[in-house]
C-alpha atoms as a PDB file:
ATOM      1  CA  MET A   1      -0.062   0.315   0.058  1.00  0.00           C
ATOM      2  CA  GLU A   2       0.997   3.866  -0.497  1.00  0.00           C
ATOM      3  CA  SER A   3       1.979   5.689   2.517  1.00  0.00           C
ATOM      4  CA  PRO A   4      -1.274   7.658   3.403  1.00  0.00           C
ATOM      5  CA  THR A   5       0.561  11.080   3.320  1.00  0.00           C
ATOM      6  CA  ALA A   6       0.859  11.006  -0.200  1.00  0.00           C
ATOM      7  CA  ARG A   7      -1.015  13.454  -2.385  1.00  0.00           C
ATOM      8  CA  TRP A   8      -2.557  13.434  -5.632  1.00  0.00           C
ATOM      9  CA  THR A   9      -5.182  15.647  -6.947  1.00  0.00           C
ATOM     10  CA  SER A  10      -6.444  16.264 -10.584  1.00  0.00           C
ATOM     11  CA  ALA A  11      -3.697  18.828 -11.240  1.00  0.00           C
ATOM     12  CA  ALA A  12      -1.473  15.548 -11.871  1.00  0.00           C
ATOM     13  CA  VAL A  13      -3.918  14.366 -14.785  1.00  0.00           C
ATOM     14  CA  PRO A  14      -1.845  14.375 -17.692  1.00  0.00           C
ATOM     15  CA  ASP A  15      -2.565  15.967 -21.062  1.00  0.00           C
ATOM     16  CA  GLN A  16      -5.384  13.841 -22.653  1.00  0.00           C
ATOM     17  CA  HIS A  17      -5.505  15.359 -25.831  1.00  0.00           C
ATOM     18  CA  GLY A  18      -6.078  12.395 -28.642  1.00  0.00           C
ATOM     19  CA  ARG A  19      -7.347   9.640 -25.907  1.00  0.00           C
ATOM     20  CA  VAL A  20     -11.230   8.606 -26.097  1.00  0.00           C
ATOM     21  CA  ALA A  21     -13.166   8.028 -22.790  1.00  0.00           C
ATOM     22  CA  VAL A  22     -16.585   6.176 -22.429  1.00  0.00           C
ATOM     23  CA  ILE A  23     -18.051   6.746 -18.847  1.00  0.00           C
ATOM     24  CA  THR A  24     -20.978   5.236 -17.447  1.00  0.00           C
ATOM     25  CA  GLY A  25     -23.218   7.241 -15.262  1.00  0.00           C
ATOM     26  CA  ALA A  26     -21.474  10.306 -16.059  1.00  0.00           C
ATOM     27  CA  ASN A  27     -24.390  12.823 -16.045  1.00  0.00           C
ATOM     28  CA  THR A  28     -23.987  12.624 -12.497  1.00  0.00           C
ATOM     29  CA  GLY A  29     -22.325  12.409  -9.232  1.00  0.00           C
ATOM     30  CA  LEU A  30     -19.044  10.759  -9.506  1.00  0.00           C
ATOM     31  CA  GLY A  31     -18.658  10.026 -13.276  1.00  0.00           C
ATOM     32  CA  PHE A  32     -19.825  13.474 -14.108  1.00  0.00           C
ATOM     33  CA  ALA A  33     -16.606  14.806 -12.185  1.00  0.00           C
ATOM     34  CA  THR A  34     -14.904  12.458 -13.739  1.00  0.00           C
ATOM     35  CA  ALA A  35     -15.888  13.526 -17.343  1.00  0.00           C
ATOM     36  CA  GLU A  36     -15.497  17.209 -16.301  1.00  0.00           C
ATOM     37  CA  VAL A  37     -11.662  16.914 -15.486  1.00  0.00           C
ATOM     38  CA  LEU A  38     -10.847  14.496 -18.531  1.00  0.00           C
ATOM     39  CA  ALA A  39     -12.144  16.904 -20.833  1.00  0.00           C
ATOM     40  CA  ALA A  40     -10.633  19.712 -19.293  1.00  0.00           C
ATOM     41  CA  ARG A  41      -7.382  17.256 -19.841  1.00  0.00           C
ATOM     42  CA  GLY A  42      -8.513  17.493 -23.755  1.00  0.00           C
ATOM     43  CA  ALA A  43     -10.081  13.848 -24.084  1.00  0.00           C
ATOM     44  CA  THR A  44     -12.980  13.014 -26.342  1.00  0.00           C
ATOM     45  CA  VAL A  45     -15.412  11.535 -23.969  1.00  0.00           C
ATOM     46  CA  VAL A  46     -18.422   9.926 -24.229  1.00  0.00           C
ATOM     47  CA  LEU A  47     -21.195   9.740 -21.633  1.00  0.00           C
ATOM     48  CA  ALA A  48     -22.972   6.575 -21.563  1.00  0.00           C
ATOM     49  CA  CYS A  49     -25.870   7.336 -19.325  1.00  0.00           C
ATOM     50  CA  ARG A  50     -29.386   5.731 -19.380  1.00  0.00           C
ATOM     51  CA  ASP A  51     -30.959   8.904 -19.198  1.00  0.00           C
ATOM     52  CA  PRO A  52     -30.516  11.016 -22.780  1.00  0.00           C
ATOM     53  CA  GLY A  53     -32.060  14.011 -21.041  1.00  0.00           C
ATOM     54  CA  ARG A  54     -29.354  14.210 -18.262  1.00  0.00           C
ATOM     55  CA  ALA A  55     -26.839  13.030 -20.321  1.00  0.00           C
ATOM     56  CA  ALA A  56     -27.233  16.010 -22.815  1.00  0.00           C
ATOM     57  CA  ASP A  57     -27.675  18.552 -19.462  1.00  0.00           C
ATOM     58  CA  ALA A  58     -24.273  17.108 -18.303  1.00  0.00           C
ATOM     59  CA  VAL A  59     -22.995  17.457 -21.949  1.00  0.00           C
ATOM     60  CA  ALA A  60     -23.944  21.669 -22.347  1.00  0.00           C
ATOM     61  CA  ALA A  61     -22.675  22.142 -17.955  1.00  0.00           C
ATOM     62  CA  ILE A  62     -18.928  20.629 -19.235  1.00  0.00           C
ATOM     63  CA  THR A  63     -18.617  22.366 -22.633  1.00  0.00           C
ATOM     64  CA  ALA A  64     -19.782  25.594 -20.446  1.00  0.00           C
ATOM     65  CA  ALA A  65     -16.911  24.757 -18.516  1.00  0.00           C
ATOM     66  CA  THR A  66     -14.620  24.128 -21.009  1.00  0.00           C
ATOM     67  CA  PRO A  67     -14.981  25.634 -24.165  1.00  0.00           C
ATOM     68  CA  GLY A  68     -14.724  23.663 -27.266  1.00  0.00           C
ATOM     69  CA  ALA A  69     -14.580  20.411 -24.858  1.00  0.00           C
ATOM     70  CA  ASP A  70     -15.400  17.019 -27.019  1.00  0.00           C
ATOM     71  CA  VAL A  71     -18.070  15.509 -25.108  1.00  0.00           C
ATOM     72  CA  THR A  72     -21.053  13.654 -26.258  1.00  0.00           C
ATOM     73  CA  CYS A  73     -23.619  11.096 -25.197  1.00  0.00           C
ATOM     74  CA  VAL A  74     -24.748   7.858 -26.260  1.00  0.00           C
ATOM     75  CA  GLU A  75     -27.904   6.008 -24.565  1.00  0.00           C
ATOM     76  CA  CYS A  76     -26.669   3.207 -22.563  1.00  0.00           C
ATOM     77  CA  ASP A  77     -28.991   1.393 -19.745  1.00  0.00           C
ATOM     78  CA  LEU A  78     -27.000  -1.170 -17.950  1.00  0.00           C
ATOM     79  CA  GLY A  79     -29.822  -3.053 -16.890  1.00  0.00           C
ATOM     80  CA  SER A  80     -30.869  -4.278 -20.725  1.00  0.00           C
ATOM     81  CA  LEU A  81     -28.428  -6.204 -22.225  1.00  0.00           C
ATOM     82  CA  ASP A  82     -30.373  -5.008 -25.820  1.00  0.00           C
ATOM     83  CA  ALA A  83     -29.888  -1.468 -24.536  1.00  0.00           C
ATOM     84  CA  ILE A  84     -26.234  -2.346 -24.134  1.00  0.00           C
ATOM     85  CA  ARG A  85     -25.319  -4.161 -27.316  1.00  0.00           C
ATOM     86  CA  ARG A  86     -26.926  -1.373 -29.339  1.00  0.00           C
ATOM     87  CA  ALA A  87     -24.973   1.039 -26.950  1.00  0.00           C
ATOM     88  CA  ALA A  88     -21.617  -0.589 -27.537  1.00  0.00           C
ATOM     89  CA  ALA A  89     -22.372  -0.417 -31.413  1.00  0.00           C
ATOM     90  CA  GLU A  90     -23.249   2.961 -31.276  1.00  0.00           C
ATOM     91  CA  VAL A  91     -19.676   3.779 -29.672  1.00  0.00           C
ATOM     92  CA  ARG A  92     -18.229   1.655 -32.060  1.00  0.00           C
ATOM     93  CA  ASP A  93     -19.633   3.205 -34.728  1.00  0.00           C
ATOM     94  CA  ARG A  94     -18.171   6.348 -33.582  1.00  0.00           C
ATOM     95  CA  HIS A  95     -15.032   5.971 -31.965  1.00  0.00           C
ATOM     96  CA  PRO A  96     -12.493   3.287 -34.009  1.00  0.00           C
ATOM     97  CA  ARG A  97     -10.249   3.795 -31.123  1.00  0.00           C
ATOM     98  CA  LEU A  98     -10.883   3.615 -27.220  1.00  0.00           C
ATOM     99  CA  ASP A  99      -8.504   4.235 -24.529  1.00  0.00           C
ATOM    100  CA  LEU A 100     -10.270   4.295 -21.360  1.00  0.00           C
ATOM    101  CA  LEU A 101     -13.671   2.593 -20.463  1.00  0.00           C
ATOM    102  CA  ILE A 102     -14.084   3.550 -16.662  1.00  0.00           C
ATOM    103  CA  ASN A 103     -17.473   0.787 -15.340  1.00  0.00           C
ATOM    104  CA  ASN A 104     -18.670   3.658 -13.195  1.00  0.00           C
ATOM    105  CA  ALA A 105     -22.252   3.418 -12.644  1.00  0.00           C
ATOM    106  CA  GLY A 106     -24.550   1.943  -9.880  1.00  0.00           C
ATOM    107  CA  VAL A 107     -27.657   2.023  -8.516  1.00  0.00           C
ATOM    108  CA  MET A 108     -28.396   1.464  -4.435  1.00  0.00           C
ATOM    109  CA  SER A 109     -32.203   0.909  -3.753  1.00  0.00           C
ATOM    110  CA  PRO A 110     -33.735  -0.377  -0.510  1.00  0.00           C
ATOM    111  CA  GLU A 111     -36.353  -2.317  -2.281  1.00  0.00           C
ATOM    112  CA  ARG A 112     -35.809  -5.283  -4.364  1.00  0.00           C
ATOM    113  CA  ARG A 113     -35.971  -4.583  -8.018  1.00  0.00           C
ATOM    114  CA  LEU A 114     -35.463  -6.713 -10.927  1.00  0.00           C
ATOM    115  CA  THR A 115     -33.679  -5.461 -14.738  1.00  0.00           C
ATOM    116  CA  ALA A 116     -34.915  -5.938 -17.887  1.00  0.00           C
ATOM    117  CA  ASP A 117     -33.335  -9.365 -17.802  1.00  0.00           C
ATOM    118  CA  GLY A 118     -34.838 -10.215 -14.739  1.00  0.00           C
ATOM    119  CA  PHE A 119     -31.625 -10.254 -12.810  1.00  0.00           C
ATOM    120  CA  GLU A 120     -31.411  -8.674  -9.252  1.00  0.00           C
ATOM    121  CA  ALA A 121     -31.535  -4.766  -9.926  1.00  0.00           C
ATOM    122  CA  HIS A 122     -27.894  -4.379  -7.667  1.00  0.00           C
ATOM    123  CA  LEU A 123     -26.085  -6.982  -9.597  1.00  0.00           C
ATOM    124  CA  GLY A 124     -27.234  -6.898 -12.753  1.00  0.00           C
ATOM    125  CA  ILE A 125     -26.837  -2.656 -12.897  1.00  0.00           C
ATOM    126  CA  ASN A 126     -23.570  -2.293 -11.175  1.00  0.00           C
ATOM    127  CA  TYR A 127     -21.505  -5.585 -12.026  1.00  0.00           C
ATOM    128  CA  LEU A 128     -23.143  -7.997 -15.381  1.00  0.00           C
ATOM    129  CA  GLY A 129     -24.158  -4.732 -17.287  1.00  0.00           C
ATOM    130  CA  HIS A 130     -20.598  -3.617 -16.931  1.00  0.00           C
ATOM    131  CA  PHE A 131     -19.344  -6.972 -17.600  1.00  0.00           C
ATOM    132  CA  ALA A 132     -21.103  -6.988 -20.591  1.00  0.00           C
ATOM    133  CA  LEU A 133     -20.176  -3.496 -21.930  1.00  0.00           C
ATOM    134  CA  THR A 134     -16.430  -4.276 -21.373  1.00  0.00           C
ATOM    135  CA  GLY A 135     -16.658  -7.557 -23.232  1.00  0.00           C
ATOM    136  CA  LEU A 136     -18.327  -5.696 -26.211  1.00  0.00           C
ATOM    137  CA  LEU A 137     -15.891  -3.249 -26.294  1.00  0.00           C
ATOM    138  CA  LEU A 138     -12.799  -5.110 -25.163  1.00  0.00           C
ATOM    139  CA  ASP A 139     -11.308  -5.719 -28.647  1.00  0.00           C
ATOM    140  CA  ARG A 140     -11.067  -1.594 -29.234  1.00  0.00           C
ATOM    141  CA  LEU A 141      -9.320  -1.026 -25.659  1.00  0.00           C
ATOM    142  CA  LEU A 142      -6.962  -4.113 -27.402  1.00  0.00           C
ATOM    143  CA  ALA A 143      -6.313  -2.445 -30.879  1.00  0.00           C
ATOM    144  CA  THR A 144      -5.427   1.056 -28.040  1.00  0.00           C
ATOM    145  CA  PRO A 145      -1.415   0.697 -26.663  1.00  0.00           C
ATOM    146  CA  GLY A 146      -1.746   2.038 -23.198  1.00  0.00           C
ATOM    147  CA  SER A 147      -5.700   1.366 -22.899  1.00  0.00           C
ATOM    148  CA  ARG A 148      -7.125   0.853 -19.507  1.00  0.00           C
ATOM    149  CA  VAL A 149     -10.379  -0.550 -17.775  1.00  0.00           C
ATOM    150  CA  VAL A 150     -11.501   1.131 -14.580  1.00  0.00           C
ATOM    151  CA  THR A 151     -14.039  -0.726 -12.508  1.00  0.00           C
ATOM    152  CA  VAL A 152     -15.884   1.402  -9.668  1.00  0.00           C
ATOM    153  CA  SER A 153     -16.198  -0.325  -6.353  1.00  0.00           C
ATOM    154  CA  SER A 154     -17.297   0.670  -2.734  1.00  0.00           C
ATOM    155  CA  VAL A 155     -15.719  -0.294   0.341  1.00  0.00           C
ATOM    156  CA  SER A 156     -18.639  -1.787   0.837  1.00  0.00           C
ATOM    157  CA  HIS A 157     -17.183  -4.819  -1.246  1.00  0.00           C
ATOM    158  CA  ARG A 158     -15.581  -5.948   2.262  1.00  0.00           C
ATOM    159  CA  GLN A 159     -19.003  -7.021   3.745  1.00  0.00           C
ATOM    160  CA  GLY A 160     -19.585  -8.982  -0.140  1.00  0.00           C
ATOM    161  CA  VAL A 161     -20.145 -12.119  -0.469  1.00  0.00           C
ATOM    162  CA  ILE A 162     -20.703 -14.096  -4.242  1.00  0.00           C
ATOM    163  CA  HIS A 163     -24.057 -15.970  -3.143  1.00  0.00           C
ATOM    164  CA  PHE A 164     -23.769 -18.316  -5.696  1.00  0.00           C
ATOM    165  CA  ASP A 165     -26.826 -20.863  -4.489  1.00  0.00           C
ATOM    166  CA  ASP A 166     -28.812 -17.596  -4.730  1.00  0.00           C
ATOM    167  CA  LEU A 167     -27.188 -15.084  -6.858  1.00  0.00           C
ATOM    168  CA  GLN A 168     -30.420 -13.289  -7.735  1.00  0.00           C
ATOM    169  CA  LEU A 169     -31.075 -13.081  -3.946  1.00  0.00           C
ATOM    170  CA  GLU A 170     -34.357 -14.748  -4.614  1.00  0.00           C
ATOM    171  CA  ARG A 171     -34.701 -16.564  -1.018  1.00  0.00           C
ATOM    172  CA  ARG A 172     -33.448 -13.829   1.358  1.00  0.00           C
ATOM    173  CA  TYR A 173     -33.042 -10.192   0.220  1.00  0.00           C
ATOM    174  CA  ARG A 174     -31.489  -7.125   1.874  1.00  0.00           C
ATOM    175  CA  TRP A 175     -30.355  -4.088  -0.009  1.00  0.00           C
ATOM    176  CA  ARG A 176     -27.218  -3.787   1.998  1.00  0.00           C
ATOM    177  CA  THR A 177     -26.447  -7.535   0.992  1.00  0.00           C
ATOM    178  CA  ALA A 178     -27.374  -6.837  -2.385  1.00  0.00           C
ATOM    179  CA  TYR A 179     -25.196  -4.059  -3.101  1.00  0.00           C
ATOM    180  CA  ALA A 180     -21.930  -5.383  -1.108  1.00  0.00           C
ATOM    181  CA  GLN A 181     -22.651  -8.372  -3.612  1.00  0.00           C
ATOM    182  CA  SER A 182     -22.349  -6.537  -6.801  1.00  0.00           C
ATOM    183  CA  LYS A 183     -19.717  -4.142  -5.338  1.00  0.00           C
ATOM    184  CA  LEU A 184     -17.229  -7.375  -4.653  1.00  0.00           C
ATOM    185  CA  ALA A 185     -18.458  -8.904  -7.733  1.00  0.00           C
ATOM    186  CA  ASN A 186     -17.046  -5.729  -9.593  1.00  0.00           C
ATOM    187  CA  LEU A 187     -13.506  -6.094  -7.927  1.00  0.00           C
ATOM    188  CA  LEU A 188     -13.479 -10.066  -8.785  1.00  0.00           C
ATOM    189  CA  PHE A 189     -13.710  -8.811 -12.317  1.00  0.00           C
ATOM    190  CA  ALA A 190     -11.007  -6.200 -12.245  1.00  0.00           C
ATOM    191  CA  TYR A 191      -8.545  -8.648 -10.896  1.00  0.00           C
ATOM    192  CA  GLU A 192      -9.697 -11.369 -13.063  1.00  0.00           C
ATOM    193  CA  LEU A 193      -9.962  -9.250 -16.266  1.00  0.00           C
ATOM    194  CA  GLN A 194      -5.815  -8.223 -15.646  1.00  0.00           C
ATOM    195  CA  ARG A 195      -4.784 -12.186 -15.085  1.00  0.00           C
ATOM    196  CA  ARG A 196      -6.827 -12.935 -18.455  1.00  0.00           C
ATOM    197  CA  LEU A 197      -4.745  -9.504 -19.818  1.00  0.00           C
ATOM    198  CA  ALA A 198      -1.366 -10.277 -18.663  1.00  0.00           C
ATOM    199  CA  GLY A 199       1.127  -8.789 -21.664  1.00  0.00           C
ATOM    200  CA  ALA A 200      -1.655  -7.014 -23.194  1.00  0.00           C
ATOM    201  CA  PRO A 201      -1.481  -3.313 -23.870  1.00  0.00           C
ATOM    202  CA  THR A 202      -4.769  -2.526 -21.956  1.00  0.00           C
ATOM    203  CA  ILE A 203      -4.315  -3.152 -17.826  1.00  0.00           C
ATOM    204  CA  SER A 204      -7.627  -3.399 -15.812  1.00  0.00           C
ATOM    205  CA  VAL A 205      -7.646  -1.106 -12.642  1.00  0.00           C
ATOM    206  CA  ALA A 206      -9.987  -0.612  -9.991  1.00  0.00           C
ATOM    207  CA  ALA A 207     -10.735   2.261  -7.847  1.00  0.00           C
ATOM    208  CA  HIS A 208     -13.922   3.127  -4.952  1.00  0.00           C
ATOM    209  CA  PRO A 209     -14.485   6.652  -3.431  1.00  0.00           C
ATOM    210  CA  GLY A 210     -14.607   6.641  -0.354  1.00  0.00           C
ATOM    211  CA  ASN A 211     -18.150   7.879   1.611  1.00  0.00           C
ATOM    212  CA  ALA A 212     -18.695  10.446  -1.451  1.00  0.00           C
ATOM    213  CA  GLN A 213     -21.980  12.462  -1.406  1.00  0.00           C
ATOM    214  CA  THR A 214     -23.532  11.666  -4.394  1.00  0.00           C
ATOM    215  CA  GLU A 215     -27.091  10.717  -5.753  1.00  0.00           C
ATOM    216  CA  LEU A 216     -26.725   7.231  -5.018  1.00  0.00           C
ATOM    217  CA  ASN A 217     -28.465   7.571  -1.481  1.00  0.00           C
ATOM    218  CA  ARG A 218     -31.306   9.729  -3.088  1.00  0.00           C
ATOM    219  CA  ARG A 219     -33.732   6.772  -1.954  1.00  0.00           C
ATOM    220  CA  PHE A 220     -32.475   7.207   1.331  1.00  0.00           C
ATOM    221  CA  PRO A 221     -34.057   9.770   2.835  1.00  0.00           C
ATOM    222  CA  GLY A 222     -32.453   9.818   6.301  1.00  0.00           C
ATOM    223  CA  GLN A 223     -29.376   9.463   5.345  1.00  0.00           C
ATOM    224  CA  GLN A 224     -30.086  12.745   3.522  1.00  0.00           C
ATOM    225  CA  ASN A 225     -31.168  14.440   6.072  1.00  0.00           C
ATOM    226  CA  LEU A 226     -28.439  12.916   7.946  1.00  0.00           C
ATOM    227  CA  LEU A 227     -26.112  14.421   5.829  1.00  0.00           C
ATOM    228  CA  GLY A 228     -27.417  17.686   6.081  1.00  0.00           C
ATOM    229  CA  HIS A 229     -27.380  18.150   9.691  1.00  0.00           C
ATOM    230  CA  ARG A 230     -25.869  21.452  10.531  1.00  0.00           C
ATOM    231  CA  ARG A 231     -24.838  19.978  14.322  1.00  0.00           C
ATOM    232  CA  LEU A 232     -22.978  17.126  12.873  1.00  0.00           C
ATOM    233  CA  ARG A 233     -21.194  18.993   9.909  1.00  0.00           C
ATOM    234  CA  TRP A 234     -18.012  18.687  11.832  1.00  0.00           C
ATOM    235  CA  LEU A 235     -18.179  14.811  12.099  1.00  0.00           C
ATOM    236  CA  ILE A 236     -19.591  14.531   8.584  1.00  0.00           C
ATOM    237  CA  SER A 237     -16.891  16.496   6.934  1.00  0.00           C
ATOM    238  CA  ARG A 238     -14.390  13.425   8.619  1.00  0.00           C
ATOM    239  CA  LEU A 239     -16.653  10.866   7.390  1.00  0.00           C
ATOM    240  CA  VAL A 240     -17.838  11.778   3.948  1.00  0.00           C
ATOM    241  CA  GLN A 241     -16.775  13.939   0.843  1.00  0.00           C
ATOM    242  CA  SER A 242     -17.537  15.475  -2.075  1.00  0.00           C
ATOM    243  CA  ALA A 243     -18.053  13.890  -5.645  1.00  0.00           C
ATOM    244  CA  GLU A 244     -15.015  15.862  -6.703  1.00  0.00           C
ATOM    245  CA  GLN A 245     -13.006  14.544  -4.201  1.00  0.00           C
ATOM    246  CA  GLY A 246     -14.300  10.975  -4.321  1.00  0.00           C
ATOM    247  CA  ALA A 247     -13.821  10.994  -8.493  1.00  0.00           C
ATOM    248  CA  LEU A 248      -9.773  11.322  -7.849  1.00  0.00           C
ATOM    249  CA  THR A 249      -9.226   7.564  -7.051  1.00  0.00           C
ATOM    250  CA  THR A 250     -11.168   6.752 -10.576  1.00  0.00           C
ATOM    251  CA  LEU A 251      -8.819   9.591 -12.442  1.00  0.00           C
ATOM    252  CA  ARG A 252      -5.567   8.377 -10.854  1.00  0.00           C
ATOM    253  CA  ALA A 253      -6.528   4.770 -11.689  1.00  0.00           C
ATOM    254  CA  ALA A 254      -7.382   6.153 -15.432  1.00  0.00           C
ATOM    255  CA  ALA A 255      -4.711   8.403 -15.882  1.00  0.00           C
ATOM    256  CA  ASP A 256      -1.832   8.311 -13.641  1.00  0.00           C
ATOM    257  CA  PRO A 257       0.803   7.050 -15.821  1.00  0.00           C
ATOM    258  CA  GLN A 258       2.424   4.950 -12.890  1.00  0.00           C
ATOM    259  CA  ALA A 259      -0.522   3.012 -12.045  1.00  0.00           C
ATOM    260  CA  ARG A 260      -0.266  -0.804 -13.019  1.00  0.00           C
ATOM    261  CA  GLY A 261      -2.675  -3.070 -13.789  1.00  0.00           C
ATOM    262  CA  GLY A 262      -4.236  -5.193 -10.690  1.00  0.00           C
ATOM    263  CA  GLU A 263      -4.116  -2.001  -8.573  1.00  0.00           C
ATOM    264  CA  PHE A 264      -6.887  -0.702  -6.737  1.00  0.00           C
ATOM    265  CA  TYR A 265      -7.438   2.965  -5.521  1.00  0.00           C
ATOM    266  CA  GLY A 266      -9.285   4.594  -2.815  1.00  0.00           C
ATOM    267  CA  PRO A 267      -8.998   7.527   0.002  1.00  0.00           C
ATOM    268  CA  SER A 268      -5.604   7.819   2.380  1.00  0.00           C
ATOM    269  CA  GLY A 269      -7.904   8.642   5.246  1.00  0.00           C
ATOM    270  CA  TRP A 270      -9.589   6.509   8.179  1.00  0.00           C
ATOM    271  CA  TRP A 271     -11.262   3.126   7.159  1.00  0.00           C
ATOM    272  CA  GLN A 272     -10.717   4.841   3.335  1.00  0.00           C
ATOM    273  CA  PHE A 273     -13.697   6.470   4.036  1.00  0.00           C
ATOM    274  CA  THR A 274     -11.949  10.375   2.772  1.00  0.00           C
ATOM    275  CA  GLY A 275      -9.074  11.556   1.411  1.00  0.00           C
ATOM    276  CA  SER A 276      -6.566  11.863  -1.196  1.00  0.00           C
ATOM    277  CA  PRO A 277      -6.159   8.315  -3.586  1.00  0.00           C
ATOM    278  CA  VAL A 278      -4.000   6.303  -2.918  1.00  0.00           C
ATOM    279  CA  THR A 279      -3.353   2.383  -3.643  1.00  0.00           C
ATOM    280  CA  VAL A 280      -5.599   0.355  -0.862  1.00  0.00           C
ATOM    281  CA  SER A 281      -5.631  -3.404  -0.403  1.00  0.00           C
ATOM    282  CA  SER A 282      -8.971  -4.958  -0.162  1.00  0.00           C
ATOM    283  CA  SER A 283     -10.855  -7.993   1.144  1.00  0.00           C
ATOM    284  CA  ALA A 284      -9.004 -11.483   1.295  1.00  0.00           C
ATOM    285  CA  ARG A 285     -12.245 -13.074  -0.566  1.00  0.00           C
ATOM    286  CA  SER A 286     -11.652 -10.163  -3.919  1.00  0.00           C
ATOM    287  CA  HIS A 287      -8.833 -11.950  -4.238  1.00  0.00           C
ATOM    288  CA  ASP A 288     -10.018 -15.403  -4.522  1.00  0.00           C
ATOM    289  CA  PRO A 289      -9.000 -16.871  -7.617  1.00  0.00           C
ATOM    290  CA  ASP A 290     -11.339 -19.791  -7.734  1.00  0.00           C
ATOM    291  CA  VAL A 291     -14.315 -17.523  -6.984  1.00  0.00           C
ATOM    292  CA  GLN A 292     -13.247 -15.163  -9.362  1.00  0.00           C
ATOM    293  CA  GLN A 293     -12.930 -17.745 -12.400  1.00  0.00           C
ATOM    294  CA  ARG A 294     -16.576 -19.015 -10.913  1.00  0.00           C
ATOM    295  CA  LEU A 295     -18.107 -15.854 -11.361  1.00  0.00           C
ATOM    296  CA  TRP A 296     -16.516 -15.308 -14.456  1.00  0.00           C
ATOM    297  CA  ARG A 297     -18.262 -18.449 -16.198  1.00  0.00           C
ATOM    298  CA  GLU A 298     -21.500 -17.977 -14.420  1.00  0.00           C
ATOM    299  CA  SER A 299     -21.346 -13.827 -15.926  1.00  0.00           C
ATOM    300  CA  GLU A 300     -20.847 -15.316 -19.906  1.00  0.00           C
ATOM    301  CA  ARG A 301     -23.968 -17.595 -18.955  1.00  0.00           C
ATOM    302  CA  LEU A 302     -26.038 -14.722 -17.955  1.00  0.00           C
ATOM    303  CA  THR A 303     -25.205 -12.594 -20.013  1.00  0.00           C
ATOM    304  CA  GLY A 304     -24.618 -14.574 -23.122  1.00  0.00           C
ATOM    305  CA  ILE A 305     -21.525 -12.616 -23.587  1.00  0.00           C
ATOM    306  CA  THR A 306     -17.912 -14.342 -24.023  1.00  0.00           C
ATOM    307  CA  ILE A 307     -14.805 -12.267 -23.531  1.00  0.00           C
ATOM    308  CA  SER A 308     -12.028 -13.199 -25.246  1.00  0.00           C
ATOM    309  CA  ALA A 309      -8.900 -12.028 -23.933  1.00  0.00           C
ATOM    310  CA  PRO A 310      -5.204 -12.641 -24.763  1.00  0.00           C
ATOM    311  CA  GLY A 311      -4.473 -14.091 -21.396  1.00  0.00           C
ATOM    312  CA  ARG A 312      -7.210 -16.685 -21.267  1.00  0.00           C
END
């Protein structure tokens, strides 16, 4: 692990001219903050979002802040494999090269919901949708030297277990269990992808934002009220950071020239809740090669998408 005294800010992001970045869920929160910095550094940025209207608003906000920024959007509903295929086809039609795929979008919901394909929503959107999108775009990345896949996880992965006997949590649903499972799945995928990319021009890197204040908890009014409590402001400032600060871990994973495949970036502070982005450790479960490979096989079966990587 890197020294917690290290300081890495958006000013360290090198020039991105000539690079093409696709970012899921980039109309708000962490994804928007990531897109804004990459666009300001000259990258061609594609916002892959479920809501075209909100994505268009995000494009307008970024170009207002950085006139001349090359930012577009593509409709991408990660809760639908058909929609993911359409989005991937559109990206491929527009961009013959791809330097960055940032698997950022996520949901957190108290109710058990299903995707269009019948997957439990946390697993389907946070993980399986990104697995599918990565598979459909990987050849573009492999054809681009220095390319990266960045997958966003969470501190909640520590509580995560992959319930292979009830992956969709049909028998017993708890939202915390579902969310933690999906975020552990993201890490298992990131590590297994890197193993399969060994020797390739593309690397797989993971990141988590700590406790970042975003729209992710909008379905939890109690949390929103707590975050806004005036008397707790001093404590909240030590436990929760802004979306812009949280996005720095993703930016470092995506743009730091020193980043290496298989690394995991998170905040440097207490319990990795807040702080500057540094390399961090993850749970023992996330490093289990048998679970990584079993989840990969199950993901290919569920999505119908086989990911061919050089090291396979």
